[in-house]
Amino acid sequence: MKLLGGLLSPYVMRAALAARFKGHEIPVEMPEGGIKSEAYLALNPMGKMPCLVDGDFALPESAVIAEYLNETLPGPNLLPEDPKARARARLLARFADLYLAPALTPIFRARDNPGAVPQAMADLAAALDKLEALRPAGARWMAGDAPSLADATLMPVFFFLDAFDPMFGTAKLLDDRPGLKAWWAAARASPEGARMVNEQGAALAAFMKG
């Protein structure tokens, strides 16, 4: 089993974190020839990362990959047993994909379109407000007292709040959202979170030099 893509991508890191929360390590590597190569497109016709290769089975789309890893790898279940809590965890992960990550994208591309940053910051603040309201109050992790697929999804996105803070003040948005601020501090300090920050930080530094 291997994961094709780069760890700077929050979507690739989501799948890697899902495996790590289960107690497993999956090799992560960029596909030979890149994600638009003929060989990669044969595995993942969308031409995006990540793609999980498990023997002769190729699976694209990070949310689906994370669910597959949760179901097939031994280890703690990354979705709560209670149906309502399980739905909540899936909702939080879905929210990250539909609202939080898209708000960050214009900030990531600010060098190309600086004029889009003010609206992106407003969209990001609004998304964080909604996420603060959706998250269970007092939960140790994003959706409860144990890591879930919601944490695997949101932690790699929150990395960029810290990374972009010196230029745009993105991390300061958490000051008025104490639940999210406490969650991120604890998640970032966990063994999986600390490793994630180091890996994404190194990948971002390499990207900025490129």
N, C-alpha and C. Protein backbone atom coordinates (compact mmCIF):
# COMPACT_ATOMS: atom_id res chain seq x y z
N MET A 1 0.85 -1.19 0.00
CA MET A 1 0.00 0.00 0.00
C MET A 1 0.89 1.24 0.00
N LYS A 2 0.55 2.21 -0.87
CA LYS A 2 1.29 3.47 -0.88
C LYS A 2 0.34 4.60 -1.27
N LEU A 3 0.75 5.80 -0.91
CA LEU A 3 -0.06 7.00 -1.16
C LEU A 3 0.71 7.88 -2.12
N LEU A 4 0.10 8.23 -3.22
CA LEU A 4 0.76 9.05 -4.23
C LEU A 4 0.35 10.50 -4.07
N GLY A 5 1.34 11.36 -3.94
CA GLY A 5 1.11 12.79 -3.76
C GLY A 5 2.18 13.40 -2.90
N GLY A 6 2.02 14.67 -2.55
CA GLY A 6 2.98 15.39 -1.73
C GLY A 6 2.35 15.81 -0.41
N LEU A 7 3.13 15.76 0.65
CA LEU A 7 2.58 16.01 1.99
C LEU A 7 2.24 17.47 2.26
N LEU A 8 2.63 18.40 1.40
CA LEU A 8 2.17 19.77 1.57
C LEU A 8 0.67 19.87 1.36
N SER A 9 0.14 19.03 0.48
CA SER A 9 -1.30 19.03 0.22
C SER A 9 -2.07 18.58 1.45
N PRO A 10 -3.03 19.37 1.92
CA PRO A 10 -3.82 18.95 3.07
C PRO A 10 -4.62 17.68 2.78
N TYR A 11 -4.88 17.41 1.51
CA TYR A 11 -5.65 16.22 1.15
C TYR A 11 -4.78 14.97 1.25
N VAL A 12 -3.54 15.08 0.83
CA VAL A 12 -2.61 13.96 1.00
C VAL A 12 -2.35 13.72 2.48
N MET A 13 -2.11 14.82 3.21
CA MET A 13 -1.84 14.68 4.64
C MET A 13 -3.03 14.11 5.39
N ARG A 14 -4.22 14.42 4.95
CA ARG A 14 -5.42 13.84 5.58
C ARG A 14 -5.36 12.32 5.56
N ALA A 15 -5.03 11.75 4.40
CA ALA A 15 -4.96 10.30 4.29
C ALA A 15 -3.81 9.75 5.14
N ALA A 16 -2.67 10.44 5.11
CA ALA A 16 -1.54 9.98 5.92
C ALA A 16 -1.88 10.01 7.40
N LEU A 17 -2.56 11.06 7.85
CA LEU A 17 -2.95 11.16 9.26
C LEU A 17 -3.96 10.09 9.64
N ALA A 18 -4.88 9.79 8.75
CA ALA A 18 -5.85 8.73 9.04
C ALA A 18 -5.12 7.42 9.33
N ALA A 19 -4.13 7.10 8.51
CA ALA A 19 -3.36 5.87 8.75
C ALA A 19 -2.57 5.97 10.06
N ARG A 20 -1.98 7.12 10.32
CA ARG A 20 -1.18 7.28 11.54
C ARG A 20 -2.05 7.20 12.79
N PHE A 21 -3.24 7.77 12.75
CA PHE A 21 -4.14 7.65 13.90
C PHE A 21 -4.56 6.20 14.14
N LYS A 22 -4.52 5.40 13.08
CA LYS A 22 -4.81 3.97 13.22
C LYS A 22 -3.60 3.19 13.71
N GLY A 23 -2.43 3.85 13.75
CA GLY A 23 -1.21 3.18 14.17
C GLY A 23 -0.41 2.59 13.03
N HIS A 24 -0.60 3.11 11.82
CA HIS A 24 0.07 2.56 10.65
C HIS A 24 0.80 3.66 9.88
N GLU A 25 1.79 3.25 9.14
CA GLU A 25 2.57 4.16 8.32
C GLU A 25 2.45 3.72 6.87
N ILE A 26 2.00 4.63 6.02
CA ILE A 26 1.89 4.35 4.59
C ILE A 26 2.91 5.21 3.85
N PRO A 27 3.76 4.62 3.02
CA PRO A 27 4.72 5.42 2.26
C PRO A 27 4.00 6.44 1.38
N VAL A 28 4.55 7.65 1.35
CA VAL A 28 3.99 8.73 0.53
C VAL A 28 5.05 9.14 -0.47
N GLU A 29 4.69 9.18 -1.73
CA GLU A 29 5.65 9.55 -2.76
C GLU A 29 4.94 10.22 -3.93
N MET A 30 5.65 11.14 -4.57
CA MET A 30 5.11 11.75 -5.77
C MET A 30 5.16 10.74 -6.91
N PRO A 31 4.12 10.67 -7.74
CA PRO A 31 4.14 9.72 -8.85
C PRO A 31 5.19 10.10 -9.88
N GLU A 32 5.83 9.12 -10.42
CA GLU A 32 6.83 9.37 -11.46
C GLU A 32 6.17 10.04 -12.65
N GLY A 33 6.72 11.17 -13.05
CA GLY A 33 6.16 11.91 -14.17
C GLY A 33 5.10 12.92 -13.77
N GLY A 34 4.74 12.94 -12.47
CA GLY A 34 3.77 13.91 -12.00
C GLY A 34 2.34 13.44 -12.10
N ILE A 35 1.42 14.27 -11.60
CA ILE A 35 0.02 13.86 -11.52
C ILE A 35 -0.74 14.03 -12.83
N LYS A 36 -0.08 14.56 -13.85
CA LYS A 36 -0.72 14.66 -15.16
C LYS A 36 -0.11 13.66 -16.15
N SER A 37 0.75 12.79 -15.65
CA SER A 37 1.37 11.80 -16.53
C SER A 37 0.34 10.76 -16.95
N GLU A 38 0.62 10.10 -18.03
CA GLU A 38 -0.30 9.07 -18.54
C GLU A 38 -0.45 7.94 -17.54
N ALA A 39 0.64 7.58 -16.89
CA ALA A 39 0.58 6.47 -15.93
C ALA A 39 -0.27 6.83 -14.72
N TYR A 40 -0.13 8.08 -14.24
CA TYR A 40 -0.92 8.48 -13.07
C TYR A 40 -2.39 8.63 -13.44
N LEU A 41 -2.67 9.19 -14.61
CA LEU A 41 -4.06 9.37 -15.03
C LEU A 41 -4.76 8.03 -15.23
N ALA A 42 -3.99 7.00 -15.50
CA ALA A 42 -4.60 5.67 -15.61
C ALA A 42 -5.08 5.19 -14.24
N LEU A 43 -4.41 5.65 -13.18
CA LEU A 43 -4.82 5.31 -11.82
C LEU A 43 -5.91 6.25 -11.32
N ASN A 44 -5.76 7.53 -11.64
CA ASN A 44 -6.66 8.57 -11.15
C ASN A 44 -6.99 9.52 -12.30
N PRO A 45 -8.07 9.27 -13.01
CA PRO A 45 -8.39 10.08 -14.19
C PRO A 45 -8.60 11.56 -13.88
N MET A 46 -8.88 11.91 -12.61
CA MET A 46 -9.06 13.32 -12.26
C MET A 46 -7.75 14.08 -12.28
N GLY A 47 -6.63 13.38 -12.19
CA GLY A 47 -5.33 14.04 -12.24
C GLY A 47 -5.05 14.91 -11.04
N LYS A 48 -5.56 14.52 -9.88
CA LYS A 48 -5.30 15.25 -8.65
C LYS A 48 -4.67 14.31 -7.63
N MET A 49 -4.16 14.89 -6.55
CA MET A 49 -3.61 14.07 -5.49
C MET A 49 -4.51 14.19 -4.26
N PRO A 50 -4.55 13.08 -3.47
CA PRO A 50 -3.77 11.86 -3.54
C PRO A 50 -4.48 10.76 -4.34
N CYS A 51 -3.74 9.66 -4.48
CA CYS A 51 -4.31 8.41 -4.96
C CYS A 51 -3.68 7.30 -4.12
N LEU A 52 -4.51 6.45 -3.56
CA LEU A 52 -4.02 5.32 -2.78
C LEU A 52 -3.90 4.12 -3.70
N VAL A 53 -2.77 3.45 -3.63
CA VAL A 53 -2.56 2.22 -4.39
C VAL A 53 -2.41 1.08 -3.39
N ASP A 54 -3.34 0.15 -3.45
CA ASP A 54 -3.35 -1.01 -2.55
C ASP A 54 -3.38 -2.25 -3.42
N GLY A 55 -2.18 -2.78 -3.72
CA GLY A 55 -2.10 -3.89 -4.65
C GLY A 55 -2.51 -3.43 -6.04
N ASP A 56 -3.50 -4.10 -6.61
CA ASP A 56 -4.00 -3.71 -7.93
C ASP A 56 -5.21 -2.78 -7.85
N PHE A 57 -5.47 -2.25 -6.66
CA PHE A 57 -6.61 -1.37 -6.43
C PHE A 57 -6.11 0.06 -6.27
N ALA A 58 -6.63 0.96 -7.11
CA ALA A 58 -6.27 2.38 -7.03
C ALA A 58 -7.50 3.17 -6.62
N LEU A 59 -7.33 4.05 -5.62
CA LEU A 59 -8.46 4.78 -5.06
C LEU A 59 -8.11 6.27 -4.96
N PRO A 60 -8.78 7.14 -5.72
CA PRO A 60 -8.58 8.59 -5.58
C PRO A 60 -9.54 9.17 -4.55
N GLU A 61 -9.39 10.48 -4.31
CA GLU A 61 -10.25 11.28 -3.44
C GLU A 61 -9.96 11.01 -1.95
N SER A 62 -9.43 12.05 -1.30
CA SER A 62 -8.90 11.89 0.06
C SER A 62 -9.95 11.47 1.08
N ALA A 63 -11.17 11.99 0.98
CA ALA A 63 -12.20 11.61 1.95
C ALA A 63 -12.53 10.13 1.84
N VAL A 64 -12.59 9.62 0.61
CA VAL A 64 -12.89 8.21 0.39
C VAL A 64 -11.70 7.36 0.84
N ILE A 65 -10.49 7.83 0.56
CA ILE A 65 -9.30 7.11 1.00
C ILE A 65 -9.27 6.99 2.51
N ALA A 66 -9.54 8.09 3.21
CA ALA A 66 -9.52 8.08 4.68
C ALA A 66 -10.54 7.09 5.23
N GLU A 67 -11.73 7.05 4.65
CA GLU A 67 -12.75 6.09 5.09
C GLU A 67 -12.29 4.66 4.81
N TYR A 68 -11.69 4.45 3.66
CA TYR A 68 -11.19 3.11 3.31
C TYR A 68 -10.12 2.65 4.29
N LEU A 69 -9.19 3.55 4.62
CA LEU A 69 -8.15 3.20 5.57
C LEU A 69 -8.73 2.89 6.94
N ASN A 70 -9.73 3.66 7.33
CA ASN A 70 -10.37 3.42 8.63
C ASN A 70 -11.03 2.05 8.66
N GLU A 71 -11.59 1.63 7.55
CA GLU A 71 -12.31 0.36 7.50
C GLU A 71 -11.39 -0.85 7.32
N THR A 72 -10.22 -0.65 6.69
CA THR A 72 -9.38 -1.80 6.34
C THR A 72 -8.17 -1.98 7.24
N LEU A 73 -7.69 -0.92 7.88
CA LEU A 73 -6.51 -1.04 8.74
C LEU A 73 -6.92 -1.37 10.16
N PRO A 74 -6.20 -2.27 10.81
CA PRO A 74 -6.46 -2.50 12.23
C PRO A 74 -6.15 -1.25 13.04
N GLY A 75 -6.79 -1.14 14.19
CA GLY A 75 -6.54 0.00 15.05
C GLY A 75 -7.82 0.68 15.47
N PRO A 76 -7.69 1.79 16.19
CA PRO A 76 -8.88 2.49 16.69
C PRO A 76 -9.80 2.94 15.56
N ASN A 77 -11.09 2.85 15.81
CA ASN A 77 -12.06 3.35 14.83
C ASN A 77 -12.02 4.87 14.83
N LEU A 78 -11.87 5.47 13.66
CA LEU A 78 -11.79 6.92 13.55
C LEU A 78 -13.15 7.57 13.33
N LEU A 79 -14.20 6.80 13.53
CA LEU A 79 -15.55 7.34 13.54
C LEU A 79 -16.25 6.83 14.79
N PRO A 80 -16.95 7.70 15.52
CA PRO A 80 -17.62 7.26 16.76
C PRO A 80 -18.65 6.17 16.50
N GLU A 81 -18.92 5.37 17.50
CA GLU A 81 -19.91 4.30 17.36
C GLU A 81 -21.33 4.85 17.31
N ASP A 82 -21.61 5.89 18.07
CA ASP A 82 -22.95 6.46 18.09
C ASP A 82 -23.26 7.09 16.73
N PRO A 83 -24.41 6.77 16.13
CA PRO A 83 -24.71 7.29 14.78
C PRO A 83 -24.72 8.82 14.70
N LYS A 84 -25.22 9.48 15.73
CA LYS A 84 -25.27 10.94 15.70
C LYS A 84 -23.87 11.53 15.80
N ALA A 85 -23.05 10.96 16.68
CA ALA A 85 -21.67 11.44 16.80
C ALA A 85 -20.88 11.14 15.53
N ARG A 86 -21.17 10.00 14.92
CA ARG A 86 -20.48 9.64 13.67
C ARG A 86 -20.86 10.62 12.57
N ALA A 87 -22.14 10.96 12.50
CA ALA A 87 -22.58 11.94 11.51
C ALA A 87 -21.93 13.30 11.76
N ARG A 88 -21.76 13.66 13.03
CA ARG A 88 -21.13 14.93 13.37
C ARG A 88 -19.68 14.95 12.88
N ALA A 89 -18.95 13.86 13.07
CA ALA A 89 -17.56 13.80 12.62
C ALA A 89 -17.49 13.94 11.10
N ARG A 90 -18.39 13.28 10.40
CA ARG A 90 -18.40 13.38 8.95
C ARG A 90 -18.78 14.79 8.51
N LEU A 91 -19.70 15.42 9.22
CA LEU A 91 -20.10 16.78 8.91
C LEU A 91 -18.93 17.74 9.02
N LEU A 92 -18.15 17.62 10.10
CA LEU A 92 -17.02 18.51 10.30
C LEU A 92 -15.97 18.34 9.21
N ALA A 93 -15.74 17.10 8.80
CA ALA A 93 -14.80 16.86 7.70
C ALA A 93 -15.35 17.44 6.40
N ARG A 94 -16.62 17.25 6.17
CA ARG A 94 -17.25 17.79 4.96
C ARG A 94 -17.19 19.32 4.95
N PHE A 95 -17.40 19.91 6.10
CA PHE A 95 -17.34 21.37 6.20
C PHE A 95 -15.96 21.88 5.81
N ALA A 96 -14.93 21.18 6.24
CA ALA A 96 -13.57 21.59 5.88
C ALA A 96 -13.38 21.59 4.37
N ASP A 97 -13.89 20.57 3.71
CA ASP A 97 -13.73 20.46 2.26
C ASP A 97 -14.51 21.54 1.51
N LEU A 98 -15.71 21.83 1.97
CA LEU A 98 -16.60 22.71 1.21
C LEU A 98 -16.44 24.19 1.53
N TYR A 99 -16.00 24.52 2.75
CA TYR A 99 -16.00 25.91 3.18
C TYR A 99 -14.64 26.42 3.66
N LEU A 100 -13.96 25.64 4.47
CA LEU A 100 -12.73 26.15 5.07
C LEU A 100 -11.57 26.14 4.08
N ALA A 101 -11.30 25.00 3.46
CA ALA A 101 -10.18 24.94 2.50
C ALA A 101 -10.37 25.90 1.33
N PRO A 102 -11.57 26.03 0.75
CA PRO A 102 -11.74 27.00 -0.34
C PRO A 102 -11.47 28.44 0.09
N ALA A 103 -11.77 28.78 1.34
CA ALA A 103 -11.49 30.14 1.80
C ALA A 103 -9.99 30.40 1.90
N LEU A 104 -9.22 29.36 2.18
CA LEU A 104 -7.77 29.51 2.29
C LEU A 104 -7.06 29.56 0.93
N THR A 105 -7.69 29.00 -0.09
CA THR A 105 -7.02 28.89 -1.39
C THR A 105 -6.58 30.24 -1.95
N PRO A 106 -7.41 31.30 -1.94
CA PRO A 106 -6.93 32.59 -2.46
C PRO A 106 -5.76 33.16 -1.66
N ILE A 107 -5.68 32.82 -0.37
CA ILE A 107 -4.56 33.31 0.43
C ILE A 107 -3.28 32.58 0.02
N PHE A 108 -3.41 31.30 -0.25
CA PHE A 108 -2.27 30.52 -0.72
C PHE A 108 -1.75 31.08 -2.05
N ARG A 109 -2.65 31.61 -2.85
CA ARG A 109 -2.29 32.12 -4.18
C ARG A 109 -2.18 33.64 -4.21
N ALA A 110 -1.93 34.23 -3.06
CA ALA A 110 -1.93 35.69 -2.95
C ALA A 110 -0.87 36.35 -3.83
N ARG A 111 0.23 35.68 -4.10
CA ARG A 111 1.25 36.28 -4.95
C ARG A 111 0.73 36.54 -6.36
N ASP A 112 -0.19 35.68 -6.81
CA ASP A 112 -0.74 35.82 -8.15
C ASP A 112 -1.93 36.77 -8.19
N ASN A 113 -2.68 36.86 -7.09
CA ASN A 113 -3.88 37.69 -7.08
C ASN A 113 -4.08 38.30 -5.69
N PRO A 114 -3.26 39.29 -5.33
CA PRO A 114 -3.35 39.87 -3.99
C PRO A 114 -4.70 40.54 -3.71
N GLY A 115 -5.39 40.96 -4.75
CA GLY A 115 -6.67 41.62 -4.55
C GLY A 115 -7.76 40.72 -4.00
N ALA A 116 -7.55 39.40 -4.10
CA ALA A 116 -8.55 38.45 -3.60
C ALA A 116 -8.43 38.19 -2.11
N VAL A 117 -7.36 38.68 -1.49
CA VAL A 117 -7.10 38.34 -0.09
C VAL A 117 -8.14 38.90 0.88
N PRO A 118 -8.54 40.17 0.78
CA PRO A 118 -9.52 40.68 1.76
C PRO A 118 -10.81 39.87 1.80
N GLN A 119 -11.36 39.52 0.65
CA GLN A 119 -12.58 38.72 0.64
C GLN A 119 -12.31 37.32 1.19
N ALA A 120 -11.14 36.78 0.87
CA ALA A 120 -10.79 35.46 1.40
C ALA A 120 -10.70 35.48 2.92
N MET A 121 -10.14 36.54 3.47
CA MET A 121 -10.06 36.65 4.92
C MET A 121 -11.45 36.74 5.55
N ALA A 122 -12.34 37.47 4.91
CA ALA A 122 -13.71 37.55 5.41
C ALA A 122 -14.40 36.20 5.32
N ASP A 123 -14.20 35.50 4.22
CA ASP A 123 -14.79 34.16 4.06
C ASP A 123 -14.21 33.19 5.08
N LEU A 124 -12.91 33.32 5.35
CA LEU A 124 -12.26 32.44 6.32
C LEU A 124 -12.81 32.69 7.72
N ALA A 125 -12.97 33.94 8.09
CA ALA A 125 -13.52 34.26 9.41
C ALA A 125 -14.93 33.72 9.55
N ALA A 126 -15.74 33.86 8.51
CA ALA A 126 -17.11 33.34 8.55
C ALA A 126 -17.12 31.82 8.67
N ALA A 127 -16.22 31.15 7.94
CA ALA A 127 -16.16 29.69 8.02
C ALA A 127 -15.73 29.23 9.42
N LEU A 128 -14.78 29.94 10.01
CA LEU A 128 -14.35 29.57 11.36
C LEU A 128 -15.46 29.78 12.38
N ASP A 129 -16.26 30.81 12.20
CA ASP A 129 -17.41 31.01 13.09
C ASP A 129 -18.35 29.81 13.03
N LYS A 130 -18.63 29.36 11.84
CA LYS A 130 -19.54 28.22 11.67
C LYS A 130 -18.93 26.95 12.24
N LEU A 131 -17.63 26.77 12.02
CA LEU A 131 -16.97 25.58 12.55
C LEU A 131 -16.98 25.58 14.07
N GLU A 132 -16.76 26.74 14.66
CA GLU A 132 -16.81 26.87 16.12
C GLU A 132 -18.20 26.48 16.64
N ALA A 133 -19.23 26.85 15.91
CA ALA A 133 -20.60 26.54 16.33
C ALA A 133 -20.93 25.06 16.14
N LEU A 134 -20.37 24.44 15.12
CA LEU A 134 -20.68 23.04 14.81
C LEU A 134 -19.95 22.06 15.73
N ARG A 135 -18.78 22.46 16.21
CA ARG A 135 -17.96 21.54 17.00
C ARG A 135 -18.58 21.35 18.39
N PRO A 136 -18.60 20.09 18.90
CA PRO A 136 -19.12 19.86 20.25
C PRO A 136 -18.31 20.63 21.30
N ALA A 137 -18.97 21.38 22.13
CA ALA A 137 -18.29 22.18 23.15
C ALA A 137 -17.56 21.27 24.13
N GLY A 138 -16.32 21.62 24.44
CA GLY A 138 -15.55 20.88 25.44
C GLY A 138 -14.92 19.60 24.95
N ALA A 139 -15.07 19.28 23.67
CA ALA A 139 -14.47 18.05 23.14
C ALA A 139 -12.95 18.18 23.12
N ARG A 140 -12.26 17.09 23.45
CA ARG A 140 -10.79 17.10 23.43
C ARG A 140 -10.28 17.17 22.00
N TRP A 141 -10.88 16.39 21.12
CA TRP A 141 -10.53 16.40 19.71
C TRP A 141 -11.65 17.11 18.95
N MET A 142 -11.59 17.11 17.66
CA MET A 142 -12.55 17.90 16.91
C MET A 142 -13.99 17.44 17.10
N ALA A 143 -14.21 16.14 17.13
CA ALA A 143 -15.58 15.63 17.20
C ALA A 143 -15.88 14.88 18.49
N GLY A 144 -14.92 14.78 19.38
CA GLY A 144 -15.14 14.02 20.61
C GLY A 144 -13.86 13.86 21.40
N ASP A 145 -13.78 12.77 22.15
CA ASP A 145 -12.64 12.56 23.04
C ASP A 145 -11.53 11.73 22.43
N ALA A 146 -11.66 11.36 21.17
CA ALA A 146 -10.63 10.58 20.48
C ALA A 146 -10.45 11.13 19.07
N PRO A 147 -9.28 10.94 18.48
CA PRO A 147 -9.08 11.41 17.10
C PRO A 147 -10.07 10.76 16.15
N SER A 148 -10.51 11.52 15.18
CA SER A 148 -11.46 11.02 14.20
C SER A 148 -11.05 11.48 12.81
N LEU A 149 -11.83 11.08 11.84
CA LEU A 149 -11.57 11.54 10.48
C LEU A 149 -11.72 13.05 10.36
N ALA A 150 -12.49 13.66 11.27
CA ALA A 150 -12.59 15.12 11.27
C ALA A 150 -11.24 15.76 11.61
N ASP A 151 -10.52 15.20 12.56
CA ASP A 151 -9.19 15.72 12.90
C ASP A 151 -8.22 15.52 11.76
N ALA A 152 -8.25 14.34 11.15
CA ALA A 152 -7.35 14.06 10.02
C ALA A 152 -7.59 15.04 8.89
N THR A 153 -8.83 15.50 8.74
CA THR A 153 -9.17 16.44 7.67
C THR A 153 -8.80 17.87 8.02
N LEU A 154 -9.09 18.29 9.24
CA LEU A 154 -8.94 19.69 9.61
C LEU A 154 -7.53 20.07 10.02
N MET A 155 -6.79 19.18 10.63
CA MET A 155 -5.45 19.53 11.10
C MET A 155 -4.55 20.03 9.97
N PRO A 156 -4.50 19.37 8.80
CA PRO A 156 -3.62 19.87 7.73
C PRO A 156 -4.07 21.21 7.17
N VAL A 157 -5.35 21.54 7.30
CA VAL A 157 -5.84 22.85 6.86
C VAL A 157 -5.43 23.93 7.86
N PHE A 158 -5.56 23.62 9.15
CA PHE A 158 -5.19 24.59 10.18
C PHE A 158 -3.69 24.89 10.17
N PHE A 159 -2.88 23.97 9.67
CA PHE A 159 -1.45 24.26 9.53
C PHE A 159 -1.24 25.57 8.79
N PHE A 160 -2.07 25.82 7.77
CA PHE A 160 -1.87 27.01 6.94
C PHE A 160 -2.28 28.29 7.66
N LEU A 161 -3.15 28.19 8.67
CA LEU A 161 -3.43 29.37 9.47
C LEU A 161 -2.16 29.87 10.15
N ASP A 162 -1.37 28.95 10.68
CA ASP A 162 -0.10 29.32 11.30
C ASP A 162 0.91 29.77 10.25
N ALA A 163 0.97 29.04 9.14
CA ALA A 163 1.98 29.32 8.12
C ALA A 163 1.79 30.70 7.50
N PHE A 164 0.55 31.11 7.31
CA PHE A 164 0.27 32.39 6.66
C PHE A 164 0.12 33.54 7.65
N ASP A 165 0.20 33.26 8.94
CA ASP A 165 -0.05 34.28 9.94
C ASP A 165 0.91 35.47 9.85
N PRO A 166 2.23 35.27 9.64
CA PRO A 166 3.11 36.43 9.59
C PRO A 166 2.74 37.44 8.50
N MET A 167 2.15 36.96 7.41
CA MET A 167 1.80 37.86 6.31
C MET A 167 0.37 38.38 6.39
N PHE A 168 -0.54 37.53 6.89
CA PHE A 168 -1.96 37.87 6.77
C PHE A 168 -2.72 37.85 8.11
N GLY A 169 -2.09 37.43 9.18
CA GLY A 169 -2.77 37.39 10.47
C GLY A 169 -3.83 36.32 10.57
N THR A 170 -3.65 35.22 9.85
CA THR A 170 -4.67 34.17 9.82
C THR A 170 -4.82 33.44 11.16
N ALA A 171 -3.71 33.17 11.85
CA ALA A 171 -3.80 32.47 13.13
C ALA A 171 -4.51 33.31 14.18
N LYS A 172 -4.41 34.61 14.06
CA LYS A 172 -5.05 35.51 15.03
C LYS A 172 -6.57 35.42 14.97
N LEU A 173 -7.09 34.88 13.88
CA LEU A 173 -8.54 34.69 13.80
C LEU A 173 -9.05 33.73 14.86
N LEU A 174 -8.18 32.89 15.38
CA LEU A 174 -8.60 31.93 16.40
C LEU A 174 -8.74 32.57 17.78
N ASP A 175 -8.21 33.76 17.96
CA ASP A 175 -8.26 34.39 19.29
C ASP A 175 -9.69 34.60 19.77
N ASP A 176 -10.61 34.85 18.85
CA ASP A 176 -12.00 35.08 19.22
C ASP A 176 -12.84 33.81 19.12
N ARG A 177 -12.19 32.68 18.90
CA ARG A 177 -12.88 31.40 18.77
C ARG A 177 -12.20 30.38 19.68
N PRO A 178 -12.46 30.47 20.99
CA PRO A 178 -11.68 29.74 21.98
C PRO A 178 -11.75 28.23 21.85
N GLY A 179 -12.88 27.71 21.40
CA GLY A 179 -12.96 26.27 21.23
C GLY A 179 -12.01 25.76 20.18
N LEU A 180 -11.99 26.42 19.04
CA LEU A 180 -11.07 26.04 17.97
C LEU A 180 -9.63 26.29 18.36
N LYS A 181 -9.39 27.38 19.07
CA LYS A 181 -8.01 27.68 19.48
C LYS A 181 -7.47 26.61 20.41
N ALA A 182 -8.30 26.16 21.36
CA ALA A 182 -7.86 25.11 22.29
C ALA A 182 -7.67 23.79 21.56
N TRP A 183 -8.59 23.47 20.66
CA TRP A 183 -8.43 22.23 19.89
C TRP A 183 -7.14 22.24 19.09
N TRP A 184 -6.88 23.33 18.38
CA TRP A 184 -5.71 23.38 17.52
C TRP A 184 -4.42 23.31 18.34
N ALA A 185 -4.39 23.96 19.48
CA ALA A 185 -3.19 23.90 20.32
C ALA A 185 -2.92 22.47 20.75
N ALA A 186 -3.96 21.75 21.15
CA ALA A 186 -3.78 20.36 21.59
C ALA A 186 -3.45 19.44 20.41
N ALA A 187 -4.13 19.63 19.29
CA ALA A 187 -3.89 18.77 18.13
C ALA A 187 -2.49 18.98 17.59
N ARG A 188 -2.05 20.21 17.53
CA ARG A 188 -0.71 20.54 17.02
C ARG A 188 0.38 19.97 17.92
N ALA A 189 0.10 19.86 19.23
CA ALA A 189 1.09 19.36 20.18
C ALA A 189 1.10 17.84 20.28
N SER A 190 0.10 17.17 19.71
CA SER A 190 0.08 15.71 19.75
C SER A 190 1.22 15.15 18.91
N PRO A 191 1.63 13.90 19.13
CA PRO A 191 2.72 13.34 18.31
C PRO A 191 2.43 13.41 16.81
N GLU A 192 1.20 13.08 16.45
CA GLU A 192 0.84 13.12 15.03
C GLU A 192 0.83 14.56 14.51
N GLY A 193 0.34 15.49 15.34
CA GLY A 193 0.28 16.88 14.93
C GLY A 193 1.66 17.51 14.80
N ALA A 194 2.54 17.24 15.75
CA ALA A 194 3.88 17.81 15.70
C ALA A 194 4.63 17.31 14.46
N ARG A 195 4.48 16.04 14.18
CA ARG A 195 5.13 15.49 12.98
C ARG A 195 4.53 16.12 11.72
N MET A 196 3.22 16.25 11.68
CA MET A 196 2.56 16.86 10.53
C MET A 196 3.07 18.27 10.29
N VAL A 197 3.16 19.08 11.34
CA VAL A 197 3.63 20.46 11.21
C VAL A 197 5.05 20.48 10.65
N ASN A 198 5.91 19.61 11.13
CA ASN A 198 7.28 19.56 10.62
C ASN A 198 7.31 19.19 9.14
N GLU A 199 6.51 18.19 8.77
CA GLU A 199 6.52 17.74 7.38
C GLU A 199 5.91 18.78 6.44
N GLN A 200 4.79 19.35 6.82
CA GLN A 200 4.20 20.36 5.96
C GLN A 200 5.06 21.62 5.92
N GLY A 201 5.68 21.95 7.04
CA GLY A 201 6.56 23.12 7.07
C GLY A 201 7.73 22.96 6.13
N ALA A 202 8.35 21.79 6.14
CA ALA A 202 9.48 21.53 5.25
C ALA A 202 9.02 21.56 3.80
N ALA A 203 7.85 20.99 3.51
CA ALA A 203 7.34 20.98 2.15
C ALA A 203 6.98 22.38 1.68
N LEU A 204 6.44 23.21 2.57
CA LEU A 204 6.10 24.59 2.20
C LEU A 204 7.37 25.40 1.92
N ALA A 205 8.39 25.21 2.74
CA ALA A 205 9.65 25.92 2.51
C ALA A 205 10.25 25.55 1.16
N ALA A 206 10.19 24.27 0.82
CA ALA A 206 10.71 23.83 -0.48
C ALA A 206 9.89 24.41 -1.62
N PHE A 207 8.57 24.47 -1.41
CA PHE A 207 7.68 25.03 -2.45
C PHE A 207 7.97 26.51 -2.68
N MET A 208 8.17 27.24 -1.61
CA MET A 208 8.41 28.68 -1.72
C MET A 208 9.74 28.99 -2.41
N LYS A 209 10.70 28.07 -2.30
CA LYS A 209 11.99 28.26 -2.96
C LYS A 209 11.91 27.92 -4.44
N GLY A 210 10.93 27.09 -4.79
CA GLY A 210 10.84 26.58 -6.14
C GLY A 210 10.31 27.58 -7.15
